[in-house]
Amino acid sequence: MNAEVALRRAGGPDAAGVADVYLRSYSTALPTVVRPRSDDEVRAYIRDVVVPERETWLAEAGGRVVGMMVLAGDLLSQLYLAPEWRGRGIGDRFVALAKERSPQGLTLWTFQVNKPAHRFYERHGFVAVEYTDGSGNEEREPDVRYVWTP
């Protein structure tokens, strides 16, 4: 796990690796949050929609996908790291890239139970601006909207 990490845009052949990182990270970071879709449905969505239609980035080390980030305009839609690759600065690099790609500002949503994500985004200058009861997301999990303004 000492391999150099490169960030690049994801392409079709990367979809399985991107999905794997998402699924493993989600299960590790959010064990109490019920996913509304099966692993196969998530894999198909990432393969058929996310990678081909969204601005999807990945972190790659030693030929393996170890992180993924999805941007949709000024929305940082997803940022997940393989659990064993957390704490190595990859998330910091993804956020810097997101800010570079959206210099006018960013917004994102994260679940209220994900306290490590709160600390991470707040460290990067994001401010919590809205808390919900979760009725607006598929998981029905209370969430929080963060905004970064340059």
Protein backbone atom coordinates (compact mmCIF):
# COMPACT_ATOMS: atom_id res chain seq x y z
CA MET A 1 0.00 0.00 0.00
CA ASN A 2 2.97 2.29 -0.54
CA ALA A 3 2.17 2.70 -4.24
CA GLU A 4 1.93 6.19 -5.68
CA VAL A 5 -1.65 7.42 -5.99
CA ALA A 6 -2.78 9.09 -9.22
CA LEU A 7 -6.09 10.91 -9.73
CA ARG A 8 -7.75 10.67 -13.14
CA ARG A 9 -11.13 10.66 -14.84
CA ALA A 10 -12.89 7.32 -14.76
CA GLY A 11 -13.84 5.50 -17.94
CA GLY A 12 -16.05 2.52 -18.69
CA PRO A 13 -13.45 -0.12 -17.79
CA ASP A 14 -13.10 1.51 -14.33
CA ALA A 15 -16.75 1.13 -13.33
CA ALA A 16 -16.33 -2.17 -11.46
CA GLY A 17 -13.44 -0.78 -9.40
CA VAL A 18 -15.34 2.43 -8.68
CA ALA A 19 -18.39 0.42 -7.56
CA ASP A 20 -16.23 -1.80 -5.36
CA VAL A 21 -14.72 1.21 -3.56
CA TYR A 22 -18.17 2.76 -3.08
CA LEU A 23 -19.68 -0.44 -1.66
CA ARG A 24 -16.77 -1.25 0.68
CA SER A 25 -16.45 2.32 1.91
CA TYR A 26 -20.18 2.73 2.48
CA SER A 27 -20.40 -0.52 4.45
CA THR A 28 -17.43 0.44 6.61
CA ALA A 29 -18.23 4.11 7.20
CA LEU A 30 -22.01 3.85 7.45
CA PRO A 31 -22.87 0.48 9.03
CA THR A 32 -26.15 1.76 10.51
CA VAL A 33 -27.44 3.33 7.29
CA VAL A 34 -29.69 1.04 5.29
CA ARG A 35 -28.89 1.08 1.58
CA PRO A 36 -32.05 1.12 -0.55
CA ARG A 37 -30.37 -0.76 -3.42
CA SER A 38 -28.64 -4.13 -3.68
CA ASP A 39 -24.95 -4.45 -4.54
CA ASP A 40 -25.89 -5.54 -8.08
CA GLU A 41 -28.16 -2.51 -8.52
CA VAL A 42 -25.40 -0.18 -7.28
CA ARG A 43 -22.88 -1.78 -9.64
CA ALA A 44 -25.25 -1.41 -12.60
CA TYR A 45 -26.02 2.23 -11.73
CA ILE A 46 -22.34 3.12 -11.46
CA ARG A 47 -21.57 1.27 -14.71
CA ASP A 48 -24.54 2.59 -16.73
CA VAL A 49 -25.08 6.08 -15.29
CA VAL A 50 -22.39 7.40 -12.96
CA VAL A 51 -19.22 6.67 -14.92
CA PRO A 52 -20.54 7.45 -18.43
CA GLU A 53 -22.78 10.42 -17.54
CA ARG A 54 -21.22 12.11 -14.51
CA GLU A 55 -17.86 13.76 -13.91
CA THR A 56 -16.39 10.74 -12.17
CA TRP A 57 -12.83 10.77 -10.86
CA LEU A 58 -10.84 7.97 -9.32
CA ALA A 59 -7.72 7.51 -7.28
CA GLU A 60 -5.57 4.66 -8.52
CA ALA A 61 -2.62 2.96 -6.84
CA GLY A 62 -0.79 -0.06 -8.15
CA GLY A 63 -3.41 -0.54 -10.87
CA ARG A 64 -6.29 -0.63 -8.35
CA VAL A 65 -9.05 1.90 -7.75
CA VAL A 66 -8.65 3.11 -4.14
CA GLY A 67 -10.97 6.13 -4.19
CA MET A 68 -13.74 7.76 -6.17
CA MET A 69 -15.35 11.19 -6.44
CA VAL A 70 -18.34 12.35 -8.48
CA LEU A 71 -19.04 15.99 -9.34
CA ALA A 72 -22.27 17.37 -10.79
CA GLY A 73 -21.67 21.05 -11.42
CA ASP A 74 -21.19 22.65 -8.00
CA LEU A 75 -22.39 19.50 -6.19
CA LEU A 76 -19.75 17.21 -4.73
CA SER A 77 -22.04 14.25 -5.16
CA GLN A 78 -19.88 11.40 -3.87
CA LEU A 79 -16.46 10.92 -2.29
CA TYR A 80 -15.51 7.46 -1.06
CA LEU A 81 -12.17 5.84 -0.27
CA ALA A 82 -11.25 2.20 0.12
CA PRO A 83 -11.20 1.75 3.92
CA GLU A 84 -7.54 0.72 4.01
CA TRP A 85 -6.59 3.88 2.08
CA ARG A 86 -8.20 6.41 4.43
CA GLY A 87 -5.90 8.85 6.21
CA ARG A 88 -3.36 9.03 3.36
CA GLY A 89 -4.33 12.44 1.92
CA ILE A 90 -6.39 11.10 -1.00
CA GLY A 91 -9.58 12.76 0.24
CA ASP A 92 -7.68 16.04 0.62
CA ARG A 93 -6.53 15.75 -3.00
CA PHE A 94 -10.07 15.02 -4.18
CA VAL A 95 -11.45 18.07 -2.36
CA ALA A 96 -8.71 20.27 -3.82
CA LEU A 97 -9.61 18.96 -7.27
CA ALA A 98 -13.32 19.60 -6.66
CA LYS A 99 -12.55 23.19 -5.60
CA GLU A 100 -10.39 23.64 -8.70
CA ARG A 101 -13.19 22.29 -10.92
CA SER A 102 -15.83 24.45 -9.19
CA PRO A 103 -13.99 27.60 -8.04
CA GLN A 104 -17.23 29.52 -7.45
CA GLY A 105 -18.18 27.17 -4.61
CA LEU A 106 -19.39 23.69 -3.75
CA THR A 107 -22.21 22.03 -1.91
CA LEU A 108 -22.58 18.47 -0.64
CA TRP A 109 -24.79 16.28 1.50
CA THR A 110 -23.65 13.78 4.11
CA PHE A 111 -25.52 11.80 6.72
CA GLN A 112 -25.74 13.23 10.21
CA VAL A 113 -24.34 9.99 11.68
CA ASN A 114 -21.16 10.35 9.60
CA LYS A 115 -19.21 12.45 12.10
CA PRO A 116 -15.81 11.70 10.51
CA ALA A 117 -17.12 13.19 7.24
CA HIS A 118 -18.32 16.29 9.11
CA ARG A 119 -14.85 16.81 10.60
CA PHE A 120 -13.21 16.18 7.23
CA TYR A 121 -15.36 18.67 5.28
CA GLU A 122 -15.25 21.31 8.03
CA ARG A 123 -11.45 21.05 8.00
CA HIS A 124 -11.67 21.92 4.30
CA GLY A 125 -13.75 25.05 4.89
CA PHE A 126 -17.24 23.63 4.37
CA VAL A 127 -19.98 24.97 6.63
CA ALA A 128 -23.14 23.10 7.64
CA VAL A 129 -26.12 25.13 6.41
CA GLU A 130 -29.09 22.75 6.56
CA TYR A 131 -30.13 19.71 8.58
CA THR A 132 -32.99 17.45 7.49
CA ASP A 133 -34.95 14.54 8.88
CA GLY A 134 -33.97 12.39 5.88
CA SER A 135 -37.37 12.41 4.23
CA GLY A 136 -35.75 13.77 1.04
CA ASN A 137 -33.23 10.99 0.50
CA GLU A 138 -33.62 7.35 -0.52
CA GLU A 139 -32.14 6.04 2.71
CA ARG A 140 -34.57 8.04 4.87
CA GLU A 141 -31.57 8.95 7.00
CA PRO A 142 -31.17 12.41 8.57
CA ASP A 143 -28.61 14.37 6.62
CA VAL A 144 -26.78 17.69 6.53
CA ARG A 145 -25.95 19.99 3.63
CA TYR A 146 -22.52 21.61 3.60
CA VAL A 147 -21.41 24.58 1.51
CA TRP A 148 -17.94 25.81 0.63
CA THR A 149 -17.65 29.40 -0.58
CA PRO A 150 -14.24 30.69 -1.70
